[in-house]
Amino acid sequence: MANFFDINFDQQANDLFPPDKRLPKNIALVRSLLKSCQWARDKVLGSYKSGSTAPIWSPGLYNKYDQVIFKKQIYSSLIDANSADPTDTTAWELILSNFIGVDERVKFNGRKLVLEYALNKRFGGTFRLPVTMTHSDIYITKLPATPFGFLVGQTKGSTVGQTTSSDDIGWPLPFKRINNFQINFLSSLYSLTNENEVREFADLYVAAGLRYTVVPY
């Protein structure tokens, strides 16, 4: 079903009139008034919903309103003959902080295969289904559980009383928070980002209480 993200203001200009008032001059007038609304919608909401098809920024000349993807964000040129890079706020305007459309992002979750796909999509890797028997550029491996820091007794019949126990409970043993899984990151991709950016994205989908480490390979 159509929604605000799909709105076509040229069609709306026609639909606003009752049938007997849909004269060409009336429709042309309203379309001209709504032109700026259509421009604003196409500039932001189109990419927000379905994702950006803009090219990745590379040195060159860009026209006013040209859009590019730079560091996974979408920028629009503010000037003609624009040769600056998108860090120049006098030449570029940040449109969206994520080039992936919300239609796709709402399907992301913390399940291993889905998270692998999301990570590769976000950081420019190649996702491969398990049937190919080849890892994706960014893939996840489970880490074995290793208990630390809670020892009641190592022999059968060990006891814990009201004030004593047959062995240490916690202190002076160190408590350690263990990692549950590992995100393996292709080195050439990792060189374009950093651990903070990876965690900022992955933490949106990893279930609370699970810990992980990021390891380039």
N, C-alpha and C. Protein backbone atom coordinates (compact mmCIF):
# COMPACT_ATOMS: atom_id res chain seq x y z
N MET A 1 0.85 -1.19 0.00
CA MET A 1 0.00 0.00 0.00
C MET A 1 0.88 1.24 0.00
N ALA A 2 0.50 2.22 -0.78
CA ALA A 2 1.29 3.45 -0.89
C ALA A 2 1.28 4.18 0.45
N ASN A 3 2.38 4.86 0.74
CA ASN A 3 2.46 5.67 1.95
C ASN A 3 3.19 6.95 1.64
N PHE A 4 3.48 7.72 2.67
CA PHE A 4 4.09 9.03 2.47
C PHE A 4 5.43 8.93 1.75
N PHE A 5 6.16 7.85 1.98
CA PHE A 5 7.46 7.70 1.35
C PHE A 5 7.35 7.49 -0.16
N ASP A 6 6.22 7.03 -0.63
CA ASP A 6 6.01 6.78 -2.06
C ASP A 6 5.26 7.91 -2.75
N ILE A 7 4.97 8.97 -2.04
CA ILE A 7 4.06 9.98 -2.57
C ILE A 7 4.59 10.62 -3.85
N ASN A 8 3.69 10.81 -4.79
CA ASN A 8 4.00 11.48 -6.05
C ASN A 8 3.12 12.72 -6.10
N PHE A 9 3.76 13.88 -5.95
CA PHE A 9 2.98 15.11 -5.84
C PHE A 9 2.35 15.52 -7.18
N ASP A 10 2.92 15.08 -8.30
CA ASP A 10 2.27 15.33 -9.58
C ASP A 10 0.91 14.64 -9.62
N GLN A 11 0.87 13.41 -9.11
CA GLN A 11 -0.40 12.68 -9.07
C GLN A 11 -1.34 13.30 -8.04
N GLN A 12 -0.77 13.76 -6.92
CA GLN A 12 -1.60 14.38 -5.89
C GLN A 12 -2.28 15.65 -6.42
N ALA A 13 -1.56 16.40 -7.27
CA ALA A 13 -2.14 17.62 -7.85
C ALA A 13 -3.38 17.29 -8.66
N ASN A 14 -3.37 16.16 -9.30
CA ASN A 14 -4.54 15.72 -10.06
C ASN A 14 -5.65 15.25 -9.13
N ASP A 15 -5.27 14.46 -8.10
CA ASP A 15 -6.26 13.85 -7.23
C ASP A 15 -6.95 14.85 -6.30
N LEU A 16 -6.31 16.00 -6.08
CA LEU A 16 -6.89 16.99 -5.18
C LEU A 16 -8.17 17.62 -5.74
N PHE A 17 -8.31 17.61 -7.06
CA PHE A 17 -9.48 18.24 -7.68
C PHE A 17 -10.61 17.22 -7.87
N PRO A 18 -11.82 17.67 -7.71
CA PRO A 18 -12.94 16.81 -8.12
C PRO A 18 -12.88 16.62 -9.63
N PRO A 19 -13.43 15.55 -10.15
CA PRO A 19 -13.30 15.24 -11.58
C PRO A 19 -13.67 16.38 -12.52
N ASP A 20 -14.71 17.13 -12.18
CA ASP A 20 -15.13 18.18 -13.10
C ASP A 20 -14.24 19.42 -13.04
N LYS A 21 -13.28 19.46 -12.13
CA LYS A 21 -12.37 20.61 -12.02
C LYS A 21 -10.94 20.26 -12.47
N ARG A 22 -10.75 19.05 -12.99
CA ARG A 22 -9.40 18.63 -13.38
C ARG A 22 -9.03 19.17 -14.77
N LEU A 23 -9.04 20.47 -14.85
CA LEU A 23 -8.66 21.12 -16.10
C LEU A 23 -7.14 21.23 -16.17
N PRO A 24 -6.55 21.15 -17.35
CA PRO A 24 -5.08 21.21 -17.48
C PRO A 24 -4.46 22.41 -16.79
N LYS A 25 -5.10 23.58 -16.90
CA LYS A 25 -4.51 24.78 -16.29
C LYS A 25 -4.55 24.71 -14.77
N ASN A 26 -5.62 24.11 -14.19
CA ASN A 26 -5.70 23.96 -12.75
C ASN A 26 -4.63 23.00 -12.23
N ILE A 27 -4.50 21.87 -12.91
CA ILE A 27 -3.52 20.86 -12.49
C ILE A 27 -2.10 21.41 -12.64
N ALA A 28 -1.83 22.13 -13.73
CA ALA A 28 -0.48 22.69 -13.94
C ALA A 28 -0.12 23.67 -12.84
N LEU A 29 -1.09 24.48 -12.41
CA LEU A 29 -0.82 25.45 -11.35
C LEU A 29 -0.46 24.76 -10.05
N VAL A 30 -1.25 23.77 -9.66
CA VAL A 30 -0.99 23.09 -8.39
C VAL A 30 0.31 22.30 -8.46
N ARG A 31 0.59 21.69 -9.60
CA ARG A 31 1.86 20.96 -9.73
C ARG A 31 3.05 21.89 -9.56
N SER A 32 2.95 23.08 -10.10
CA SER A 32 4.06 24.03 -9.95
C SER A 32 4.24 24.44 -8.49
N LEU A 33 3.12 24.56 -7.76
CA LEU A 33 3.20 24.91 -6.34
C LEU A 33 3.78 23.77 -5.50
N LEU A 34 3.54 22.54 -5.93
CA LEU A 34 4.00 21.38 -5.18
C LEU A 34 5.38 20.88 -5.62
N LYS A 35 5.97 21.57 -6.60
CA LYS A 35 7.25 21.12 -7.15
C LYS A 35 8.33 21.04 -6.08
N SER A 36 8.37 22.04 -5.19
CA SER A 36 9.38 22.05 -4.15
C SER A 36 9.17 20.91 -3.15
N CYS A 37 7.91 20.54 -2.91
CA CYS A 37 7.62 19.41 -2.02
C CYS A 37 8.14 18.11 -2.62
N GLN A 38 7.95 17.94 -3.93
CA GLN A 38 8.44 16.74 -4.58
C GLN A 38 9.96 16.69 -4.54
N TRP A 39 10.60 17.84 -4.74
CA TRP A 39 12.06 17.90 -4.71
C TRP A 39 12.59 17.51 -3.33
N ALA A 40 11.96 18.04 -2.27
CA ALA A 40 12.39 17.74 -0.92
C ALA A 40 12.17 16.27 -0.58
N ARG A 41 11.04 15.74 -1.04
CA ARG A 41 10.76 14.31 -0.81
C ARG A 41 11.79 13.44 -1.49
N ASP A 42 12.10 13.72 -2.75
CA ASP A 42 13.06 12.91 -3.50
C ASP A 42 14.46 13.02 -2.91
N LYS A 43 14.79 14.20 -2.38
CA LYS A 43 16.13 14.45 -1.85
C LYS A 43 16.43 13.60 -0.62
N VAL A 44 15.46 13.44 0.25
CA VAL A 44 15.70 12.78 1.53
C VAL A 44 14.95 11.46 1.66
N LEU A 45 13.63 11.51 1.50
CA LEU A 45 12.81 10.36 1.86
C LEU A 45 12.99 9.18 0.91
N GLY A 46 13.32 9.44 -0.35
CA GLY A 46 13.53 8.33 -1.27
C GLY A 46 14.66 7.43 -0.80
N SER A 47 15.80 8.03 -0.46
CA SER A 47 16.95 7.25 0.02
C SER A 47 16.67 6.68 1.41
N TYR A 48 15.95 7.40 2.24
CA TYR A 48 15.67 6.92 3.59
C TYR A 48 14.88 5.62 3.55
N LYS A 49 13.94 5.52 2.65
CA LYS A 49 13.08 4.35 2.60
C LYS A 49 13.74 3.17 1.90
N SER A 50 14.25 3.39 0.72
CA SER A 50 14.71 2.27 -0.10
C SER A 50 16.22 2.17 -0.24
N GLY A 51 16.95 3.10 0.37
CA GLY A 51 18.41 3.05 0.26
C GLY A 51 18.90 3.89 -0.90
N SER A 52 20.15 4.30 -0.80
CA SER A 52 20.70 5.20 -1.81
C SER A 52 21.32 4.44 -2.97
N THR A 53 21.11 4.94 -4.17
CA THR A 53 21.77 4.40 -5.36
C THR A 53 22.87 5.35 -5.84
N ALA A 54 23.20 6.34 -5.01
CA ALA A 54 24.24 7.31 -5.37
C ALA A 54 25.60 6.61 -5.46
N PRO A 55 26.50 7.14 -6.27
CA PRO A 55 27.84 6.55 -6.38
C PRO A 55 28.67 6.86 -5.14
N ILE A 56 29.67 6.04 -4.90
CA ILE A 56 30.64 6.33 -3.84
C ILE A 56 31.49 7.51 -4.27
N TRP A 57 31.71 8.45 -3.38
CA TRP A 57 32.46 9.65 -3.73
C TRP A 57 33.87 9.32 -4.17
N SER A 58 34.30 9.97 -5.23
CA SER A 58 35.68 9.90 -5.69
C SER A 58 36.05 11.28 -6.20
N PRO A 59 37.32 11.65 -6.17
CA PRO A 59 37.72 13.00 -6.61
C PRO A 59 37.21 13.30 -8.01
N GLY A 60 36.66 14.48 -8.18
CA GLY A 60 36.11 14.89 -9.47
C GLY A 60 35.23 16.11 -9.28
N LEU A 61 34.46 16.46 -10.31
CA LEU A 61 33.57 17.61 -10.25
C LEU A 61 32.13 17.13 -10.14
N TYR A 62 31.39 17.74 -9.24
CA TYR A 62 29.99 17.39 -9.03
C TYR A 62 29.12 18.63 -9.19
N ASN A 63 27.92 18.41 -9.73
CA ASN A 63 26.97 19.50 -9.90
C ASN A 63 26.18 19.71 -8.61
N LYS A 64 25.54 20.85 -8.53
CA LYS A 64 24.68 21.14 -7.38
C LYS A 64 23.57 20.09 -7.29
N TYR A 65 23.33 19.61 -6.09
CA TYR A 65 22.32 18.60 -5.76
C TYR A 65 22.74 17.17 -6.10
N ASP A 66 23.92 16.97 -6.70
CA ASP A 66 24.40 15.60 -6.90
C ASP A 66 24.58 14.95 -5.53
N GLN A 67 24.23 13.67 -5.43
CA GLN A 67 24.40 12.95 -4.18
C GLN A 67 25.50 11.90 -4.31
N VAL A 68 26.23 11.69 -3.22
CA VAL A 68 27.29 10.68 -3.18
C VAL A 68 27.24 9.97 -1.83
N ILE A 69 27.85 8.79 -1.79
CA ILE A 69 28.03 8.07 -0.54
C ILE A 69 29.48 8.24 -0.11
N PHE A 70 29.66 8.73 1.09
CA PHE A 70 31.00 8.97 1.63
C PHE A 70 31.02 8.46 3.07
N LYS A 71 31.89 7.48 3.34
CA LYS A 71 31.96 6.85 4.66
C LYS A 71 30.59 6.36 5.10
N LYS A 72 29.88 5.74 4.15
CA LYS A 72 28.58 5.11 4.38
C LYS A 72 27.47 6.09 4.71
N GLN A 73 27.72 7.38 4.49
CA GLN A 73 26.70 8.40 4.68
C GLN A 73 26.39 9.07 3.35
N ILE A 74 25.23 9.71 3.25
CA ILE A 74 24.80 10.30 1.99
C ILE A 74 24.94 11.82 2.07
N TYR A 75 25.61 12.38 1.09
CA TYR A 75 25.83 13.83 1.03
C TYR A 75 25.27 14.38 -0.28
N SER A 76 24.83 15.63 -0.22
CA SER A 76 24.33 16.32 -1.39
C SER A 76 25.20 17.55 -1.64
N SER A 77 25.57 17.76 -2.91
CA SER A 77 26.41 18.89 -3.25
C SER A 77 25.63 20.19 -3.14
N LEU A 78 26.26 21.19 -2.54
CA LEU A 78 25.62 22.50 -2.37
C LEU A 78 25.96 23.47 -3.49
N ILE A 79 26.95 23.14 -4.30
CA ILE A 79 27.43 24.06 -5.33
C ILE A 79 27.70 23.31 -6.63
N ASP A 80 27.78 24.04 -7.72
CA ASP A 80 28.21 23.47 -9.00
C ASP A 80 29.73 23.41 -9.04
N ALA A 81 30.24 22.58 -9.94
CA ALA A 81 31.69 22.40 -10.10
C ALA A 81 32.35 22.12 -8.75
N ASN A 82 31.76 21.23 -8.01
CA ASN A 82 32.20 20.92 -6.65
C ASN A 82 33.33 19.89 -6.70
N SER A 83 34.52 20.30 -6.31
CA SER A 83 35.67 19.39 -6.29
C SER A 83 36.12 19.06 -4.88
N ALA A 84 35.44 19.60 -3.86
CA ALA A 84 35.81 19.35 -2.47
C ALA A 84 35.35 17.95 -2.04
N ASP A 85 35.95 17.45 -0.99
CA ASP A 85 35.45 16.17 -0.46
C ASP A 85 34.34 16.48 0.55
N PRO A 86 33.49 15.49 0.85
CA PRO A 86 32.30 15.76 1.67
C PRO A 86 32.55 16.19 3.11
N THR A 87 33.80 16.23 3.54
CA THR A 87 34.06 16.79 4.88
C THR A 87 33.96 18.31 4.88
N ASP A 88 33.92 18.92 3.70
CA ASP A 88 33.80 20.37 3.57
C ASP A 88 32.32 20.75 3.67
N THR A 89 31.94 21.30 4.80
CA THR A 89 30.53 21.61 5.04
C THR A 89 30.03 22.81 4.25
N THR A 90 30.94 23.55 3.63
CA THR A 90 30.50 24.66 2.78
C THR A 90 30.16 24.18 1.38
N ALA A 91 30.59 22.96 1.05
CA ALA A 91 30.36 22.42 -0.28
C ALA A 91 29.40 21.24 -0.30
N TRP A 92 29.25 20.58 0.85
CA TRP A 92 28.40 19.39 0.91
C TRP A 92 27.48 19.46 2.11
N GLU A 93 26.31 18.87 1.96
CA GLU A 93 25.32 18.79 3.03
C GLU A 93 25.06 17.32 3.35
N LEU A 94 25.14 16.96 4.62
CA LEU A 94 24.82 15.60 5.04
C LEU A 94 23.31 15.40 4.96
N ILE A 95 22.89 14.40 4.17
CA ILE A 95 21.46 14.13 3.99
C ILE A 95 20.99 13.04 4.94
N LEU A 96 21.71 11.92 4.94
CA LEU A 96 21.35 10.79 5.80
C LEU A 96 22.63 10.16 6.35
N SER A 97 22.56 9.67 7.57
CA SER A 97 23.74 9.08 8.20
C SER A 97 23.91 7.61 7.87
N ASN A 98 22.99 7.03 7.10
CA ASN A 98 23.08 5.62 6.74
C ASN A 98 22.60 5.46 5.30
N PHE A 99 23.41 4.79 4.48
CA PHE A 99 23.04 4.62 3.07
C PHE A 99 22.08 3.46 2.86
N ILE A 100 21.86 2.64 3.90
CA ILE A 100 20.97 1.49 3.78
C ILE A 100 19.55 1.95 4.09
N GLY A 101 18.60 1.61 3.23
CA GLY A 101 17.23 2.05 3.41
C GLY A 101 16.56 1.41 4.62
N VAL A 102 15.61 2.12 5.20
CA VAL A 102 14.94 1.63 6.40
C VAL A 102 14.13 0.37 6.10
N ASP A 103 13.66 0.20 4.85
CA ASP A 103 12.94 -1.02 4.49
C ASP A 103 13.80 -2.25 4.72
N GLU A 104 15.10 -2.12 4.48
CA GLU A 104 16.02 -3.24 4.68
C GLU A 104 16.48 -3.32 6.13
N ARG A 105 16.76 -2.18 6.74
CA ARG A 105 17.31 -2.18 8.09
C ARG A 105 16.35 -2.76 9.13
N VAL A 106 15.03 -2.61 8.90
CA VAL A 106 14.08 -3.14 9.89
C VAL A 106 14.10 -4.67 9.92
N LYS A 107 14.71 -5.29 8.92
CA LYS A 107 14.79 -6.75 8.88
C LYS A 107 16.05 -7.28 9.56
N PHE A 108 16.97 -6.40 9.92
CA PHE A 108 18.20 -6.85 10.57
C PHE A 108 17.90 -7.29 12.00
N ASN A 109 18.61 -8.31 12.46
CA ASN A 109 18.52 -8.75 13.86
C ASN A 109 19.83 -9.42 14.26
N GLY A 110 19.88 -9.96 15.46
CA GLY A 110 21.11 -10.51 15.98
C GLY A 110 21.37 -11.96 15.65
N ARG A 111 20.54 -12.58 14.83
CA ARG A 111 20.81 -13.96 14.42
C ARG A 111 22.07 -14.00 13.56
N LYS A 112 22.82 -15.06 13.71
CA LYS A 112 24.16 -15.13 13.11
C LYS A 112 24.15 -14.80 11.62
N LEU A 113 23.34 -15.46 10.85
CA LEU A 113 23.35 -15.28 9.40
C LEU A 113 22.89 -13.87 9.01
N VAL A 114 21.85 -13.39 9.69
CA VAL A 114 21.32 -12.05 9.39
C VAL A 114 22.34 -10.99 9.78
N LEU A 115 22.98 -11.17 10.93
CA LEU A 115 23.97 -10.20 11.37
C LEU A 115 25.19 -10.20 10.45
N GLU A 116 25.58 -11.35 9.95
CA GLU A 116 26.69 -11.41 8.98
C GLU A 116 26.33 -10.64 7.72
N TYR A 117 25.10 -10.83 7.24
CA TYR A 117 24.66 -10.09 6.05
C TYR A 117 24.68 -8.59 6.32
N ALA A 118 24.14 -8.19 7.49
CA ALA A 118 24.07 -6.76 7.82
C ALA A 118 25.46 -6.15 7.92
N LEU A 119 26.40 -6.84 8.54
CA LEU A 119 27.76 -6.33 8.69
C LEU A 119 28.44 -6.17 7.34
N ASN A 120 28.26 -7.15 6.47
CA ASN A 120 28.87 -7.06 5.13
C ASN A 120 28.23 -5.95 4.32
N LYS A 121 26.93 -5.78 4.46
CA LYS A 121 26.24 -4.69 3.76
C LYS A 121 26.74 -3.34 4.24
N ARG A 122 26.86 -3.18 5.55
CA ARG A 122 27.25 -1.90 6.13
C ARG A 122 28.71 -1.54 5.82
N PHE A 123 29.60 -2.53 5.85
CA PHE A 123 31.03 -2.22 5.73
C PHE A 123 31.64 -2.63 4.39
N GLY A 124 30.78 -2.92 3.41
CA GLY A 124 31.27 -3.13 2.05
C GLY A 124 31.87 -4.48 1.78
N GLY A 125 31.53 -5.49 2.58
CA GLY A 125 32.04 -6.84 2.35
C GLY A 125 31.14 -7.64 1.43
N THR A 126 31.61 -8.81 1.06
CA THR A 126 30.83 -9.73 0.24
C THR A 126 30.21 -10.80 1.13
N PHE A 127 28.88 -10.89 1.11
CA PHE A 127 28.18 -11.90 1.90
C PHE A 127 28.02 -13.16 1.08
N ARG A 128 28.32 -14.30 1.69
CA ARG A 128 28.19 -15.60 1.01
C ARG A 128 27.35 -16.52 1.87
N LEU A 129 26.40 -17.18 1.25
CA LEU A 129 25.56 -18.14 1.97
C LEU A 129 26.39 -19.34 2.39
N PRO A 130 26.00 -19.99 3.49
CA PRO A 130 26.78 -21.14 3.97
C PRO A 130 26.93 -22.26 2.95
N VAL A 131 25.98 -22.39 2.03
CA VAL A 131 26.05 -23.49 1.05
C VAL A 131 27.25 -23.35 0.12
N THR A 132 27.85 -22.15 0.06
CA THR A 132 29.03 -21.97 -0.80
C THR A 132 30.28 -22.54 -0.15
N MET A 133 30.19 -22.88 1.14
CA MET A 133 31.33 -23.44 1.89
C MET A 133 32.48 -22.46 1.98
N THR A 134 32.21 -21.19 1.74
CA THR A 134 33.23 -20.13 1.85
C THR A 134 32.70 -19.04 2.76
N HIS A 135 33.52 -18.59 3.69
CA HIS A 135 33.09 -17.55 4.61
C HIS A 135 32.81 -16.25 3.86
N SER A 136 31.89 -15.47 4.42
CA SER A 136 31.72 -14.09 3.96
C SER A 136 32.97 -13.31 4.36
N ASP A 137 33.15 -12.12 3.75
CA ASP A 137 34.30 -11.29 4.11
C ASP A 137 34.29 -10.94 5.59
N ILE A 138 33.09 -10.75 6.14
CA ILE A 138 32.93 -10.54 7.58
C ILE A 138 32.04 -11.68 8.08
N TYR A 139 32.56 -12.48 8.98
CA TYR A 139 31.78 -13.63 9.44
C TYR A 139 31.94 -13.80 10.95
N ILE A 140 31.05 -14.58 11.53
CA ILE A 140 30.98 -14.73 12.98
C ILE A 140 31.31 -16.17 13.37
N THR A 141 32.11 -16.33 14.41
CA THR A 141 32.38 -17.64 14.98
C THR A 141 32.03 -17.62 16.46
N LYS A 142 31.45 -18.72 16.92
CA LYS A 142 31.08 -18.85 18.33
C LYS A 142 32.31 -19.19 19.15
N LEU A 143 32.44 -18.60 20.32
CA LEU A 143 33.55 -18.90 21.22
C LEU A 143 33.07 -19.85 22.31
N PRO A 144 33.88 -20.83 22.68
CA PRO A 144 33.46 -21.79 23.71
C PRO A 144 33.29 -21.12 25.06
N ALA A 145 32.30 -21.58 25.80
CA ALA A 145 32.05 -21.03 27.13
C ALA A 145 33.13 -21.52 28.09
N THR A 146 33.68 -20.61 28.85
CA THR A 146 34.70 -20.95 29.85
C THR A 146 34.30 -20.33 31.18
N PRO A 147 33.93 -21.16 32.17
CA PRO A 147 33.50 -20.59 33.45
C PRO A 147 34.68 -20.04 34.25
N PHE A 148 34.47 -18.89 34.88
CA PHE A 148 35.49 -18.28 35.72
C PHE A 148 34.83 -17.76 36.99
N GLY A 149 35.58 -17.78 38.07
CA GLY A 149 35.26 -16.94 39.21
C GLY A 149 34.19 -17.41 40.16
N PHE A 150 33.72 -18.67 40.04
CA PHE A 150 32.75 -19.14 41.03
C PHE A 150 33.07 -20.60 41.32
N LEU A 151 33.65 -20.84 42.47
CA LEU A 151 34.08 -22.18 42.84
C LEU A 151 33.51 -22.50 44.21
N VAL A 152 32.70 -23.56 44.29
CA VAL A 152 32.15 -23.99 45.58
C VAL A 152 33.01 -25.10 46.16
N GLY A 153 33.33 -26.08 45.38
CA GLY A 153 34.16 -27.20 45.83
C GLY A 153 34.41 -28.13 44.68
N GLN A 154 35.58 -28.72 44.65
CA GLN A 154 35.94 -29.57 43.52
C GLN A 154 35.64 -31.04 43.77
N THR A 155 35.21 -31.39 44.95
CA THR A 155 34.96 -32.80 45.26
C THR A 155 33.50 -33.00 45.63
N LYS A 156 33.03 -34.18 45.40
CA LYS A 156 31.66 -34.51 45.76
C LYS A 156 31.49 -34.40 47.27
N GLY A 157 30.44 -33.79 47.65
CA GLY A 157 30.20 -33.61 49.07
C GLY A 157 30.71 -32.29 49.61
N SER A 158 31.22 -31.42 48.73
CA SER A 158 31.64 -30.11 49.19
C SER A 158 30.43 -29.35 49.72
N THR A 159 30.66 -28.50 50.66
CA THR A 159 29.54 -27.87 51.35
C THR A 159 29.67 -26.36 51.38
N VAL A 160 28.53 -25.72 51.47
CA VAL A 160 28.46 -24.28 51.70
C VAL A 160 27.56 -24.08 52.91
N GLY A 161 28.16 -23.59 53.98
CA GLY A 161 27.39 -23.37 55.19
C GLY A 161 26.96 -21.93 55.32
N GLN A 162 26.40 -21.61 56.49
CA GLN A 162 25.92 -20.26 56.72
C GLN A 162 27.07 -19.26 56.77
N THR A 163 28.21 -19.70 57.30
CA THR A 163 29.35 -18.79 57.42
C THR A 163 30.62 -19.35 56.80
N THR A 164 30.64 -20.59 56.37
CA THR A 164 31.85 -21.21 55.82
C THR A 164 31.51 -22.04 54.59
N SER A 165 32.55 -22.39 53.83
CA SER A 165 32.41 -23.30 52.70
C SER A 165 33.69 -24.11 52.60
N SER A 166 33.62 -25.23 51.87
CA SER A 166 34.80 -26.09 51.75
C SER A 166 35.82 -25.55 50.75
N ASP A 167 35.45 -24.52 50.01
CA ASP A 167 36.40 -23.90 49.07
C ASP A 167 35.95 -22.47 48.81
N ASP A 168 36.78 -21.76 48.05
CA ASP A 168 36.47 -20.35 47.78
C ASP A 168 35.18 -20.19 46.99
N ILE A 169 34.46 -19.14 47.29
CA ILE A 169 33.30 -18.74 46.48
C ILE A 169 33.59 -17.33 45.99
N GLY A 170 33.91 -17.23 44.73
CA GLY A 170 34.23 -15.92 44.18
C GLY A 170 35.58 -15.45 44.67
N TRP A 171 35.60 -14.47 45.55
CA TRP A 171 36.86 -13.91 46.04
C TRP A 171 37.66 -14.98 46.76
N PRO A 172 39.02 -15.12 46.59
CA PRO A 172 39.87 -14.21 45.82
C PRO A 172 39.99 -14.58 44.35
N LEU A 173 39.12 -15.45 43.84
CA LEU A 173 39.18 -15.78 42.42
C LEU A 173 38.68 -14.60 41.60
N PRO A 174 39.33 -14.30 40.47
CA PRO A 174 38.87 -13.15 39.66
C PRO A 174 37.64 -13.50 38.84
N PHE A 175 36.69 -12.59 38.85
CA PHE A 175 35.54 -12.75 37.97
C PHE A 175 35.89 -12.17 36.60
N LYS A 176 35.58 -12.86 35.52
CA LYS A 176 35.88 -12.39 34.18
C LYS A 176 34.62 -12.46 33.32
N ARG A 177 34.40 -11.42 32.56
CA ARG A 177 33.30 -11.42 31.60
C ARG A 177 33.83 -11.98 30.30
N ILE A 178 33.31 -13.09 29.87
CA ILE A 178 33.84 -13.77 28.69
C ILE A 178 33.11 -13.32 27.43
N ASN A 179 33.78 -13.44 26.30
CA ASN A 179 33.17 -13.13 25.01
C ASN A 179 32.43 -14.35 24.50
N ASN A 180 31.23 -14.12 23.98
CA ASN A 180 30.40 -15.22 23.48
C ASN A 180 30.68 -15.56 22.02
N PHE A 181 31.08 -14.53 21.25
CA PHE A 181 31.38 -14.80 19.84
C PHE A 181 32.39 -13.81 19.32
N GLN A 182 32.86 -14.06 18.11
CA GLN A 182 33.92 -13.25 17.52
C GLN A 182 33.49 -12.81 16.12
N ILE A 183 33.64 -11.53 15.84
CA ILE A 183 33.39 -11.02 14.49
C ILE A 183 34.73 -10.96 13.76
N ASN A 184 34.85 -11.80 12.74
CA ASN A 184 36.08 -11.87 11.95
C ASN A 184 35.96 -10.90 10.78
N PHE A 185 36.90 -9.98 10.68
CA PHE A 185 36.79 -8.85 9.77
C PHE A 185 37.95 -8.87 8.78
N LEU A 186 37.64 -8.93 7.49
CA LEU A 186 38.68 -8.90 6.46
C LEU A 186 39.54 -7.65 6.65
N SER A 187 40.86 -7.83 6.69
CA SER A 187 41.76 -6.72 7.03
C SER A 187 41.61 -5.52 6.11
N SER A 188 41.43 -5.78 4.82
CA SER A 188 41.32 -4.67 3.87
C SER A 188 40.07 -3.83 4.14
N LEU A 189 39.01 -4.45 4.66
CA LEU A 189 37.80 -3.71 5.03
C LEU A 189 37.98 -3.02 6.37
N TYR A 190 38.65 -3.70 7.29
CA TYR A 190 38.85 -3.13 8.63
C TYR A 190 39.72 -1.89 8.58
N SER A 191 40.62 -1.82 7.58
CA SER A 191 41.50 -0.64 7.45
C SER A 191 40.70 0.61 7.10
N LEU A 192 39.46 0.43 6.63
CA LEU A 192 38.62 1.56 6.25
C LEU A 192 37.70 2.01 7.38
N THR A 193 37.76 1.30 8.51
CA THR A 193 36.88 1.63 9.62
C THR A 193 37.66 1.47 10.92
N ASN A 194 36.98 1.26 12.01
CA ASN A 194 37.64 1.00 13.29
C ASN A 194 36.66 0.25 14.20
N GLU A 195 37.17 -0.21 15.34
CA GLU A 195 36.34 -1.04 16.21
C GLU A 195 35.13 -0.29 16.75
N ASN A 196 35.30 0.99 17.03
CA ASN A 196 34.16 1.77 17.55
C ASN A 196 33.01 1.82 16.55
N GLU A 197 33.34 2.01 15.27
CA GLU A 197 32.29 2.05 14.25
C GLU A 197 31.62 0.69 14.10
N VAL A 198 32.41 -0.38 14.18
CA VAL A 198 31.85 -1.73 14.07
C VAL A 198 30.89 -1.98 15.23
N ARG A 199 31.33 -1.63 16.44
CA ARG A 199 30.48 -1.87 17.61
C ARG A 199 29.24 -0.97 17.61
N GLU A 200 29.40 0.24 17.14
CA GLU A 200 28.25 1.15 17.08
C GLU A 200 27.14 0.56 16.22
N PHE A 201 27.52 -0.15 15.16
CA PHE A 201 26.53 -0.78 14.29
C PHE A 201 26.05 -2.11 14.87
N ALA A 202 26.98 -2.98 15.27
CA ALA A 202 26.62 -4.32 15.73
C ALA A 202 25.79 -4.26 17.01
N ASP A 203 26.07 -3.30 17.89
CA ASP A 203 25.35 -3.23 19.16
C ASP A 203 23.86 -2.94 18.99
N LEU A 204 23.48 -2.46 17.80
CA LEU A 204 22.05 -2.24 17.54
C LEU A 204 21.29 -3.56 17.49
N TYR A 205 22.00 -4.66 17.20
CA TYR A 205 21.32 -5.93 16.93
C TYR A 205 21.74 -7.07 17.85
N VAL A 206 22.88 -6.96 18.51
CA VAL A 206 23.33 -8.02 19.41
C VAL A 206 22.49 -7.99 20.68
N ALA A 207 22.01 -9.16 21.08
CA ALA A 207 21.15 -9.24 22.26
C ALA A 207 21.88 -8.78 23.51
N ALA A 208 21.16 -8.12 24.39
CA ALA A 208 21.74 -7.64 25.64
C ALA A 208 22.32 -8.80 26.44
N GLY A 209 23.51 -8.58 26.99
CA GLY A 209 24.16 -9.62 27.79
C GLY A 209 25.18 -10.42 27.02
N LEU A 210 25.12 -10.40 25.70
CA LEU A 210 26.11 -11.11 24.88
C LEU A 210 27.30 -10.18 24.62
N ARG A 211 28.49 -10.76 24.69
CA ARG A 211 29.71 -10.01 24.46
C ARG A 211 30.45 -10.61 23.27
N TYR A 212 31.22 -9.75 22.61
CA TYR A 212 31.94 -10.22 21.43
C TYR A 212 33.23 -9.45 21.27
N THR A 213 34.10 -9.97 20.42
CA THR A 213 35.34 -9.31 20.10
C THR A 213 35.42 -9.15 18.58
N VAL A 214 36.13 -8.14 18.12
CA VAL A 214 36.30 -7.89 16.69
C VAL A 214 37.76 -8.18 16.33
N VAL A 215 37.96 -9.11 15.39
CA VAL A 215 39.32 -9.58 15.07
C VAL A 215 39.55 -9.47 13.57
N PRO A 216 40.46 -8.61 13.12
CA PRO A 216 40.82 -8.58 11.69
C PRO A 216 41.60 -9.85 11.32
N TYR A 217 41.49 -10.26 10.07
CA TYR A 217 42.24 -11.44 9.64
C TYR A 217 42.80 -11.21 8.23
